[in-house]
Amino acid sequence: MKNFKGCTAVITGGAAGIGFAVARRLGEEGANVVIADIEADALDRAATTLDNAGIPVEAVVTDVAQRDQIVALADAATSRFGDIHFLHNNAGVTTAGLAEELTDAQWDWVMGVNLNSVIWGCREFLPRMKAHGQPAHIVNTASMAGMSGGPLMAPYFASKFAVVGLSEGLWHEAKVNQSNVGVSVLCPAFVRTGIARSDRNQPDGMGGWILQGSDQASRYGEFLTAGVDGGIEPAEVAGKVLEAVIDERLWILTHPESGQSVLNRAEAIAGSGIPAEVRRPNN
């Protein structure tokens, strides 16, 4: 996909952070933009900002953990703008706590938002993109947490590794079948987003994204928050996303050190079989 002018782009988690930055950048390139988010007020503000910038925009309140709402999002985008050419499955959440101590509800929530929504998004939008036959592209947001594991966020790591695997599978299927739809997977390191405030969108009664009563989880939450607050700007990530789509690259890394992290992990797998210890909060 080389040209975004006149295309229609759908972005989940589009009210803020990476999703909003990608939506704005695509709009500046001449795309019609459909932003989806579970936060209605934030979505309204984002849509107003895009509209004031002269970008054609449709805002659709969407809980991506509900399959029927993914279908409704695709229908709304098609109804407003016609054929869909770009999908960014970007919505994401996290938790902090030991794998065995996190509740079933916390596990289900993270896997539903981070993985199931991506599966459903691809399954719903991909046939529509193939049907019109025009150049199109899907970007799935994973994370460097999908390239290398660590402690105290097992649902997040599991979901992001799965998104990487799904995206690679789709990329190969596209090549084998000479599809008009390209695929990329975004693996950002720390970016200034709202991921460390995931509890704002948790279902009632879940008790926050950090496991209550766990000092270890609380310290890890503080570590993650500090990393996010010191991360790069979402606009920088948006630029990298568009460049990768134009270049038809599968993997999108956002930080200079990320490539070396991947190499270090591969060397450990092929060599000692023992992972290097990850950076951790102070005990």
C-alpha atoms as a PDB file:
ATOM      1  CA  MET A   1       0.000   0.000   0.000  1.00  0.00           C
ATOM      2  CA  LYS A   2       1.793   3.100  -1.249  1.00  0.00           C
ATOM      3  CA  ASN A   3      -0.831   5.829  -1.146  1.00  0.00           C
ATOM      4  CA  PHE A   4      -3.316   6.670   1.612  1.00  0.00           C
ATOM      5  CA  LYS A   5      -5.199   9.489  -0.120  1.00  0.00           C
ATOM      6  CA  GLY A   6      -8.871   8.660  -0.421  1.00  0.00           C
ATOM      7  CA  CYS A   7      -8.554   5.384   1.431  1.00  0.00           C
ATOM      8  CA  THR A   8     -10.602   4.472   4.491  1.00  0.00           C
ATOM      9  CA  ALA A   9      -8.732   3.585   7.671  1.00  0.00           C
ATOM     10  CA  VAL A  10     -10.160   1.983  10.825  1.00  0.00           C
ATOM     11  CA  ILE A  11      -8.190   2.251  14.068  1.00  0.00           C
ATOM     12  CA  THR A  12      -9.165   0.685  17.398  1.00  0.00           C
ATOM     13  CA  GLY A  13      -7.953   2.324  20.568  1.00  0.00           C
ATOM     14  CA  GLY A  14      -8.161   5.433  18.424  1.00  0.00           C
ATOM     15  CA  ALA A  15      -9.096   8.030  21.035  1.00  0.00           C
ATOM     16  CA  ALA A  16      -5.564   8.556  22.341  1.00  0.00           C
ATOM     17  CA  GLY A  17      -1.962   7.369  22.251  1.00  0.00           C
ATOM     18  CA  ILE A  18      -0.658   5.436  19.283  1.00  0.00           C
ATOM     19  CA  GLY A  19      -4.114   4.918  17.807  1.00  0.00           C
ATOM     20  CA  PHE A  20      -4.951   8.606  17.702  1.00  0.00           C
ATOM     21  CA  ALA A  21      -1.490   9.480  16.365  1.00  0.00           C
ATOM     22  CA  VAL A  22      -1.880   6.969  13.511  1.00  0.00           C
ATOM     23  CA  ALA A  23      -5.387   8.263  12.770  1.00  0.00           C
ATOM     24  CA  ARG A  24      -4.174  11.837  12.628  1.00  0.00           C
ATOM     25  CA  ARG A  25      -1.203  10.983  10.427  1.00  0.00           C
ATOM     26  CA  LEU A  26      -3.388   9.010   8.018  1.00  0.00           C
ATOM     27  CA  GLY A  27      -5.865  11.874   7.917  1.00  0.00           C
ATOM     28  CA  GLU A  28      -3.076  14.275   7.068  1.00  0.00           C
ATOM     29  CA  GLU A  29      -2.181  11.941   4.209  1.00  0.00           C
ATOM     30  CA  GLY A  30      -5.725  12.273   2.855  1.00  0.00           C
ATOM     31  CA  ALA A  31      -7.424   9.224   4.361  1.00  0.00           C
ATOM     32  CA  ASN A  32     -10.957   8.967   5.695  1.00  0.00           C
ATOM     33  CA  VAL A  33     -10.595   7.917   9.319  1.00  0.00           C
ATOM     34  CA  VAL A  34     -12.784   5.742  11.534  1.00  0.00           C
ATOM     35  CA  ILE A  35     -11.693   5.736  15.170  1.00  0.00           C
ATOM     36  CA  ALA A  36     -13.038   3.226  17.667  1.00  0.00           C
ATOM     37  CA  ASP A  37     -12.628   3.278  21.428  1.00  0.00           C
ATOM     38  CA  ILE A  38     -14.455   2.179  24.560  1.00  0.00           C
ATOM     39  CA  GLU A  39     -14.115   5.655  26.126  1.00  0.00           C
ATOM     40  CA  ALA A  40     -16.954   7.727  24.697  1.00  0.00           C
ATOM     41  CA  ASP A  41     -15.835  11.118  26.022  1.00  0.00           C
ATOM     42  CA  ALA A  42     -12.234  10.669  24.875  1.00  0.00           C
ATOM     43  CA  LEU A  43     -13.511   9.454  21.515  1.00  0.00           C
ATOM     44  CA  ASP A  44     -15.657  12.559  21.088  1.00  0.00           C
ATOM     45  CA  ARG A  45     -12.680  14.807  21.870  1.00  0.00           C
ATOM     46  CA  ALA A  46     -10.467  12.938  19.426  1.00  0.00           C
ATOM     47  CA  ALA A  47     -13.097  13.133  16.675  1.00  0.00           C
ATOM     48  CA  THR A  48     -13.542  16.852  17.244  1.00  0.00           C
ATOM     49  CA  THR A  49      -9.792  17.410  16.992  1.00  0.00           C
ATOM     50  CA  LEU A  50      -9.613  15.483  13.715  1.00  0.00           C
ATOM     51  CA  ASP A  51     -12.688  17.205  12.323  1.00  0.00           C
ATOM     52  CA  ASN A  52     -11.267  20.623  13.193  1.00  0.00           C
ATOM     53  CA  ALA A  53      -8.150  19.647  11.265  1.00  0.00           C
ATOM     54  CA  GLY A  54     -10.269  18.998   8.183  1.00  0.00           C
ATOM     55  CA  ILE A  55     -10.010  15.211   8.390  1.00  0.00           C
ATOM     56  CA  PRO A  56     -13.130  13.200   7.463  1.00  0.00           C
ATOM     57  CA  VAL A  57     -13.826  11.170  10.602  1.00  0.00           C
ATOM     58  CA  GLU A  58     -16.358   8.754  12.029  1.00  0.00           C
ATOM     59  CA  ALA A  59     -16.222   7.855  15.736  1.00  0.00           C
ATOM     60  CA  VAL A  60     -17.660   4.521  16.880  1.00  0.00           C
ATOM     61  CA  VAL A  61     -17.834   3.577  20.560  1.00  0.00           C
ATOM     62  CA  THR A  62     -16.559   0.010  20.572  1.00  0.00           C
ATOM     63  CA  ASP A  63     -15.726  -2.595  23.200  1.00  0.00           C
ATOM     64  CA  VAL A  64     -13.294  -4.663  21.157  1.00  0.00           C
ATOM     65  CA  ALA A  65     -13.643  -7.564  23.604  1.00  0.00           C
ATOM     66  CA  GLN A  66     -17.143  -8.106  22.161  1.00  0.00           C
ATOM     67  CA  ARG A  67     -17.167  -9.747  18.748  1.00  0.00           C
ATOM     68  CA  ASP A  68     -20.492  -8.274  17.710  1.00  0.00           C
ATOM     69  CA  GLN A  69     -19.120  -4.790  18.289  1.00  0.00           C
ATOM     70  CA  ILE A  70     -16.202  -5.522  15.934  1.00  0.00           C
ATOM     71  CA  VAL A  71     -18.760  -6.470  13.281  1.00  0.00           C
ATOM     72  CA  ALA A  72     -20.744  -3.308  14.006  1.00  0.00           C
ATOM     73  CA  LEU A  73     -17.553  -1.245  13.657  1.00  0.00           C
ATOM     74  CA  ALA A  74     -16.848  -2.711  10.216  1.00  0.00           C
ATOM     75  CA  ASP A  75     -20.442  -2.086   9.167  1.00  0.00           C
ATOM     76  CA  ALA A  76     -20.338   1.520  10.418  1.00  0.00           C
ATOM     77  CA  ALA A  77     -17.088   2.227   8.569  1.00  0.00           C
ATOM     78  CA  THR A  78     -18.471   0.745   5.348  1.00  0.00           C
ATOM     79  CA  SER A  79     -21.743   2.636   5.691  1.00  0.00           C
ATOM     80  CA  ARG A  80     -19.963   5.986   6.116  1.00  0.00           C
ATOM     81  CA  PHE A  81     -17.040   5.713   3.714  1.00  0.00           C
ATOM     82  CA  GLY A  82     -17.422   2.574   1.587  1.00  0.00           C
ATOM     83  CA  ASP A  83     -14.528   0.171   1.005  1.00  0.00           C
ATOM     84  CA  ILE A  84     -12.061  -0.222   3.878  1.00  0.00           C
ATOM     85  CA  HIS A  85      -8.358  -0.181   3.000  1.00  0.00           C
ATOM     86  CA  PHE A  86      -6.515   0.032   6.299  1.00  0.00           C
ATOM     87  CA  LEU A  87      -7.128  -1.609   9.676  1.00  0.00           C
ATOM     88  CA  HIS A  88      -5.075  -0.988  12.785  1.00  0.00           C
ATOM     89  CA  ASN A  89      -5.946  -3.421  15.584  1.00  0.00           C
ATOM     90  CA  ASN A  90      -4.413  -1.255  18.275  1.00  0.00           C
ATOM     91  CA  ALA A  91      -6.496  -1.392  21.461  1.00  0.00           C
ATOM     92  CA  GLY A  92      -4.613  -2.885  24.406  1.00  0.00           C
ATOM     93  CA  VAL A  93      -4.608  -3.271  28.202  1.00  0.00           C
ATOM     94  CA  THR A  94      -2.410  -4.869  30.844  1.00  0.00           C
ATOM     95  CA  THR A  95      -2.299  -6.178  34.395  1.00  0.00           C
ATOM     96  CA  ALA A  96       0.520  -6.610  36.937  1.00  0.00           C
ATOM     97  CA  GLY A  97       0.826  -9.583  39.282  1.00  0.00           C
ATOM     98  CA  LEU A  98       2.048 -13.157  39.522  1.00  0.00           C
ATOM     99  CA  ALA A  99       0.482 -15.403  36.903  1.00  0.00           C
ATOM    100  CA  GLU A 100      -1.082 -17.753  39.428  1.00  0.00           C
ATOM    101  CA  GLU A 101      -2.457 -14.946  41.586  1.00  0.00           C
ATOM    102  CA  LEU A 102      -4.197 -12.929  38.879  1.00  0.00           C
ATOM    103  CA  THR A 103      -7.892 -13.768  38.701  1.00  0.00           C
ATOM    104  CA  ASP A 104      -9.648 -15.509  35.836  1.00  0.00           C
ATOM    105  CA  ALA A 105     -11.429 -12.209  35.161  1.00  0.00           C
ATOM    106  CA  GLN A 106      -8.120 -10.367  34.803  1.00  0.00           C
ATOM    107  CA  TRP A 107      -6.732 -13.030  32.485  1.00  0.00           C
ATOM    108  CA  ASP A 108      -9.900 -13.081  30.379  1.00  0.00           C
ATOM    109  CA  TRP A 109      -9.991  -9.283  30.123  1.00  0.00           C
ATOM    110  CA  VAL A 110      -6.408  -8.958  28.887  1.00  0.00           C
ATOM    111  CA  MET A 111      -6.686 -11.838  26.440  1.00  0.00           C
ATOM    112  CA  GLY A 112     -10.044 -10.578  25.196  1.00  0.00           C
ATOM    113  CA  VAL A 113      -8.868  -7.050  24.454  1.00  0.00           C
ATOM    114  CA  ASN A 114      -5.313  -7.809  23.334  1.00  0.00           C
ATOM    115  CA  LEU A 115      -5.753 -11.039  21.383  1.00  0.00           C
ATOM    116  CA  ASN A 116      -9.360 -11.963  20.675  1.00  0.00           C
ATOM    117  CA  SER A 117     -10.099  -8.497  19.312  1.00  0.00           C
ATOM    118  CA  VAL A 118      -7.182  -8.801  16.912  1.00  0.00           C
ATOM    119  CA  ILE A 119      -8.334 -12.223  15.755  1.00  0.00           C
ATOM    120  CA  TRP A 120     -11.886 -10.971  15.280  1.00  0.00           C
ATOM    121  CA  GLY A 121     -10.725  -7.781  13.589  1.00  0.00           C
ATOM    122  CA  CYS A 122      -8.648  -9.704  11.072  1.00  0.00           C
ATOM    123  CA  ARG A 123     -11.385 -12.254  10.424  1.00  0.00           C
ATOM    124  CA  GLU A 124     -14.047  -9.578   9.930  1.00  0.00           C
ATOM    125  CA  PHE A 125     -12.106  -6.983   7.935  1.00  0.00           C
ATOM    126  CA  LEU A 126      -9.792  -9.180   5.859  1.00  0.00           C
ATOM    127  CA  PRO A 127     -12.543 -10.712   3.677  1.00  0.00           C
ATOM    128  CA  ARG A 128     -13.968  -7.249   3.026  1.00  0.00           C
ATOM    129  CA  MET A 129     -10.550  -5.928   2.004  1.00  0.00           C
ATOM    130  CA  LYS A 130      -9.897  -8.908  -0.259  1.00  0.00           C
ATOM    131  CA  ALA A 131     -13.311  -8.548  -1.884  1.00  0.00           C
ATOM    132  CA  HIS A 132     -12.677  -5.048  -3.249  1.00  0.00           C
ATOM    133  CA  GLY A 133      -9.232  -6.029  -4.552  1.00  0.00           C
ATOM    134  CA  GLN A 134      -7.589  -2.637  -4.014  1.00  0.00           C
ATOM    135  CA  PRO A 135      -4.285  -2.205  -2.141  1.00  0.00           C
ATOM    136  CA  ALA A 136      -4.987  -2.622   1.578  1.00  0.00           C
ATOM    137  CA  HIS A 137      -3.122  -3.278   4.805  1.00  0.00           C
ATOM    138  CA  ILE A 138      -3.631  -4.569   8.346  1.00  0.00           C
ATOM    139  CA  VAL A 139      -1.425  -3.450  11.237  1.00  0.00           C
ATOM    140  CA  ASN A 140      -1.652  -5.344  14.521  1.00  0.00           C
ATOM    141  CA  THR A 141      -0.193  -3.758  17.640  1.00  0.00           C
ATOM    142  CA  ALA A 142       1.821  -6.229  19.674  1.00  0.00           C
ATOM    143  CA  SER A 143       4.736  -4.991  21.801  1.00  0.00           C
ATOM    144  CA  MET A 144       8.358  -5.730  22.549  1.00  0.00           C
ATOM    145  CA  ALA A 145       6.591  -7.838  25.172  1.00  0.00           C
ATOM    146  CA  GLY A 146       5.701 -10.015  22.185  1.00  0.00           C
ATOM    147  CA  MET A 147       9.377 -10.440  21.343  1.00  0.00           C
ATOM    148  CA  SER A 148      10.825 -11.136  24.790  1.00  0.00           C
ATOM    149  CA  GLY A 149       9.150 -12.245  28.005  1.00  0.00           C
ATOM    150  CA  GLY A 150       9.498 -11.064  31.570  1.00  0.00           C
ATOM    151  CA  PRO A 151       7.909 -11.239  35.023  1.00  0.00           C
ATOM    152  CA  LEU A 152       4.621 -10.115  36.541  1.00  0.00           C
ATOM    153  CA  MET A 153       2.667  -9.505  33.313  1.00  0.00           C
ATOM    154  CA  ALA A 154       2.044 -13.039  32.044  1.00  0.00           C
ATOM    155  CA  PRO A 155      -1.347 -12.303  30.396  1.00  0.00           C
ATOM    156  CA  TYR A 156       0.160  -9.336  28.558  1.00  0.00           C
ATOM    157  CA  PHE A 157       3.186 -11.298  27.361  1.00  0.00           C
ATOM    158  CA  ALA A 158       1.020 -14.243  26.312  1.00  0.00           C
ATOM    159  CA  SER A 159      -1.360 -12.028  24.341  1.00  0.00           C
ATOM    160  CA  LYS A 160       1.398 -10.073  22.611  1.00  0.00           C
ATOM    161  CA  PHE A 161       3.420 -13.157  21.633  1.00  0.00           C
ATOM    162  CA  ALA A 162       0.197 -14.519  20.145  1.00  0.00           C
ATOM    163  CA  VAL A 163      -0.412 -11.333  18.142  1.00  0.00           C
ATOM    164  CA  VAL A 164       3.097 -11.597  16.698  1.00  0.00           C
ATOM    165  CA  GLY A 165       2.466 -15.224  15.725  1.00  0.00           C
ATOM    166  CA  LEU A 166      -0.921 -14.428  14.214  1.00  0.00           C
ATOM    167  CA  SER A 167       0.529 -11.558  12.197  1.00  0.00           C
ATOM    168  CA  GLU A 168       3.386 -13.671  10.867  1.00  0.00           C
ATOM    169  CA  GLY A 169       0.916 -16.359   9.829  1.00  0.00           C
ATOM    170  CA  LEU A 170      -1.260 -13.840   8.021  1.00  0.00           C
ATOM    171  CA  TRP A 171       1.771 -12.301   6.295  1.00  0.00           C
ATOM    172  CA  HIS A 172       2.823 -15.692   4.909  1.00  0.00           C
ATOM    173  CA  GLU A 173      -0.723 -16.513   3.834  1.00  0.00           C
ATOM    174  CA  ALA A 174      -0.883 -13.184   1.995  1.00  0.00           C
ATOM    175  CA  LYS A 175       2.343 -13.942   0.134  1.00  0.00           C
ATOM    176  CA  VAL A 176       1.330 -17.490  -0.773  1.00  0.00           C
ATOM    177  CA  ASN A 177      -1.996 -16.283  -2.131  1.00  0.00           C
ATOM    178  CA  GLN A 178      -0.692 -13.047  -3.687  1.00  0.00           C
ATOM    179  CA  SER A 179      -3.218 -11.113  -1.637  1.00  0.00           C
ATOM    180  CA  ASN A 180      -3.917  -7.424  -2.093  1.00  0.00           C
ATOM    181  CA  VAL A 181      -3.797  -7.071   1.718  1.00  0.00           C
ATOM    182  CA  GLY A 182      -0.440  -6.565   3.398  1.00  0.00           C
ATOM    183  CA  VAL A 183       0.227  -7.284   7.077  1.00  0.00           C
ATOM    184  CA  SER A 184       2.482  -5.659   9.663  1.00  0.00           C
ATOM    185  CA  VAL A 185       2.933  -6.133  13.395  1.00  0.00           C
ATOM    186  CA  LEU A 186       3.907  -3.159  15.535  1.00  0.00           C
ATOM    187  CA  CYS A 187       6.219  -3.990  18.456  1.00  0.00           C
ATOM    188  CA  PRO A 188       6.800  -0.766  20.383  1.00  0.00           C
ATOM    189  CA  ALA A 189       8.958  -0.404  23.467  1.00  0.00           C
ATOM    190  CA  PHE A 190       8.029   2.375  25.888  1.00  0.00           C
ATOM    191  CA  VAL A 191       5.684   4.966  24.344  1.00  0.00           C
ATOM    192  CA  ARG A 192       3.799   7.723  26.158  1.00  0.00           C
ATOM    193  CA  THR A 193       0.341   6.152  26.147  1.00  0.00           C
ATOM    194  CA  GLY A 194      -2.328   5.315  28.708  1.00  0.00           C
ATOM    195  CA  ILE A 195      -1.373   1.615  29.019  1.00  0.00           C
ATOM    196  CA  ALA A 196      -0.283   2.165  32.638  1.00  0.00           C
ATOM    197  CA  ARG A 197      -3.791   3.429  33.412  1.00  0.00           C
ATOM    198  CA  SER A 198      -5.540   0.346  32.062  1.00  0.00           C
ATOM    199  CA  ASP A 199      -7.833   0.184  35.088  1.00  0.00           C
ATOM    200  CA  ARG A 200      -9.822   3.135  33.725  1.00  0.00           C
ATOM    201  CA  ASN A 201     -11.476   0.740  31.289  1.00  0.00           C
ATOM    202  CA  GLN A 202     -11.685  -2.397  33.391  1.00  0.00           C
ATOM    203  CA  PRO A 203     -15.064  -4.047  33.912  1.00  0.00           C
ATOM    204  CA  ASP A 204     -16.623  -3.265  37.275  1.00  0.00           C
ATOM    205  CA  GLY A 205     -15.388  -5.275  40.223  1.00  0.00           C
ATOM    206  CA  MET A 206     -12.032  -6.308  38.789  1.00  0.00           C
ATOM    207  CA  GLY A 207     -10.074  -4.281  41.333  1.00  0.00           C
ATOM    208  CA  GLY A 208      -7.542  -2.404  39.227  1.00  0.00           C
ATOM    209  CA  TRP A 209      -4.801  -3.462  36.854  1.00  0.00           C
ATOM    210  CA  ILE A 210      -2.267  -4.038  39.651  1.00  0.00           C
ATOM    211  CA  LEU A 211      -2.978  -7.090  41.811  1.00  0.00           C
ATOM    212  CA  GLN A 212      -4.270  -5.810  45.120  1.00  0.00           C
ATOM    213  CA  GLY A 213      -2.210  -6.655  48.206  1.00  0.00           C
ATOM    214  CA  SER A 214       0.948  -7.483  46.234  1.00  0.00           C
ATOM    215  CA  ASP A 215       3.918  -5.236  47.005  1.00  0.00           C
ATOM    216  CA  GLN A 216       5.835  -6.885  44.160  1.00  0.00           C
ATOM    217  CA  ALA A 217       3.087  -6.081  41.663  1.00  0.00           C
ATOM    218  CA  SER A 218       2.838  -2.524  42.958  1.00  0.00           C
ATOM    219  CA  ARG A 219       6.566  -1.964  42.487  1.00  0.00           C
ATOM    220  CA  TYR A 220       6.364  -3.402  38.991  1.00  0.00           C
ATOM    221  CA  GLY A 221       3.444  -1.137  38.230  1.00  0.00           C
ATOM    222  CA  GLU A 222       5.521   1.868  39.306  1.00  0.00           C
ATOM    223  CA  PHE A 223       8.397   0.637  37.126  1.00  0.00           C
ATOM    224  CA  LEU A 224       6.118   0.295  34.112  1.00  0.00           C
ATOM    225  CA  THR A 225       4.518   3.685  34.687  1.00  0.00           C
ATOM    226  CA  ALA A 226       7.925   5.377  34.880  1.00  0.00           C
ATOM    227  CA  GLY A 227       8.994   3.676  31.648  1.00  0.00           C
ATOM    228  CA  VAL A 228       5.851   4.763  29.813  1.00  0.00           C
ATOM    229  CA  ASP A 229       6.138   8.325  31.111  1.00  0.00           C
ATOM    230  CA  GLY A 230       9.702   8.468  29.782  1.00  0.00           C
ATOM    231  CA  GLY A 231       8.874   6.868  26.441  1.00  0.00           C
ATOM    232  CA  ILE A 232       8.825   8.287  22.945  1.00  0.00           C
ATOM    233  CA  GLU A 233       5.899  10.271  21.568  1.00  0.00           C
ATOM    234  CA  PRO A 234       3.063   8.422  19.780  1.00  0.00           C
ATOM    235  CA  ALA A 235       3.518  10.674  16.731  1.00  0.00           C
ATOM    236  CA  GLU A 236       6.985   9.185  16.224  1.00  0.00           C
ATOM    237  CA  VAL A 237       5.487   5.707  16.237  1.00  0.00           C
ATOM    238  CA  ALA A 238       2.823   6.753  13.729  1.00  0.00           C
ATOM    239  CA  GLY A 239       5.515   7.836  11.300  1.00  0.00           C
ATOM    240  CA  LYS A 240       7.243   4.476  11.609  1.00  0.00           C
ATOM    241  CA  VAL A 241       3.951   2.673  11.011  1.00  0.00           C
ATOM    242  CA  LEU A 242       3.253   4.466   7.740  1.00  0.00           C
ATOM    243  CA  GLU A 243       6.818   3.954   6.529  1.00  0.00           C
ATOM    244  CA  ALA A 244       6.599   0.222   7.232  1.00  0.00           C
ATOM    245  CA  VAL A 245       3.258  -0.106   5.450  1.00  0.00           C
ATOM    246  CA  ILE A 246       4.642   1.638   2.359  1.00  0.00           C
ATOM    247  CA  ASP A 247       7.733  -0.598   2.452  1.00  0.00           C
ATOM    248  CA  GLU A 248       5.576  -3.724   3.004  1.00  0.00           C
ATOM    249  CA  ARG A 249       7.542  -4.671   6.138  1.00  0.00           C
ATOM    250  CA  LEU A 250       6.133  -7.238   8.526  1.00  0.00           C
ATOM    251  CA  TRP A 251       7.891  -6.199  11.733  1.00  0.00           C
ATOM    252  CA  ILE A 252       7.807  -2.623  13.012  1.00  0.00           C
ATOM    253  CA  LEU A 253      10.241  -1.786  15.824  1.00  0.00           C
ATOM    254  CA  THR A 254      10.221   1.649  17.394  1.00  0.00           C
ATOM    255  CA  HIS A 255      13.464   1.988  19.362  1.00  0.00           C
ATOM    256  CA  PRO A 256      17.107   1.666  18.250  1.00  0.00           C
ATOM    257  CA  GLU A 257      17.835  -0.894  20.976  1.00  0.00           C
ATOM    258  CA  SER A 258      14.897  -3.147  20.107  1.00  0.00           C
ATOM    259  CA  GLY A 259      16.682  -5.028  17.337  1.00  0.00           C
ATOM    260  CA  GLN A 260      19.528  -5.937  19.673  1.00  0.00           C
ATOM    261  CA  SER A 261      17.027  -7.216  22.240  1.00  0.00           C
ATOM    262  CA  VAL A 262      15.610  -9.583  19.621  1.00  0.00           C
ATOM    263  CA  LEU A 263      19.107 -10.769  18.707  1.00  0.00           C
ATOM    264  CA  ASN A 264      20.029 -11.307  22.362  1.00  0.00           C
ATOM    265  CA  ARG A 265      16.949 -13.464  22.889  1.00  0.00           C
ATOM    266  CA  ALA A 266      17.612 -15.509  19.733  1.00  0.00           C
ATOM    267  CA  GLU A 267      21.218 -16.088  20.786  1.00  0.00           C
ATOM    268  CA  ALA A 268      20.086 -17.304  24.208  1.00  0.00           C
ATOM    269  CA  ILE A 269      17.553 -19.663  22.620  1.00  0.00           C
ATOM    270  CA  ALA A 270      20.107 -21.111  20.195  1.00  0.00           C
ATOM    271  CA  GLY A 271      22.905 -21.096  22.770  1.00  0.00           C
ATOM    272  CA  SER A 272      22.555 -21.665  26.496  1.00  0.00           C
ATOM    273  CA  GLY A 273      18.787 -21.993  26.515  1.00  0.00           C
ATOM    274  CA  ILE A 274      18.708 -19.681  29.531  1.00  0.00           C
ATOM    275  CA  PRO A 275      17.171 -16.226  29.121  1.00  0.00           C
ATOM    276  CA  ALA A 276      19.097 -13.176  30.196  1.00  0.00           C
ATOM    277  CA  GLU A 277      17.627 -11.664  33.329  1.00  0.00           C
ATOM    278  CA  VAL A 278      15.359  -8.757  32.529  1.00  0.00           C
ATOM    279  CA  ARG A 279      15.509  -5.352  34.127  1.00  0.00           C
ATOM    280  CA  ARG A 280      13.289  -5.302  37.185  1.00  0.00           C
ATOM    281  CA  PRO A 281      12.106  -2.879  39.857  1.00  0.00           C
ATOM    282  CA  ASN A 282      14.042  -2.701  43.101  1.00  0.00           C
ATOM    283  CA  ASN A 283      13.019  -5.275  45.688  1.00  0.00           C
END
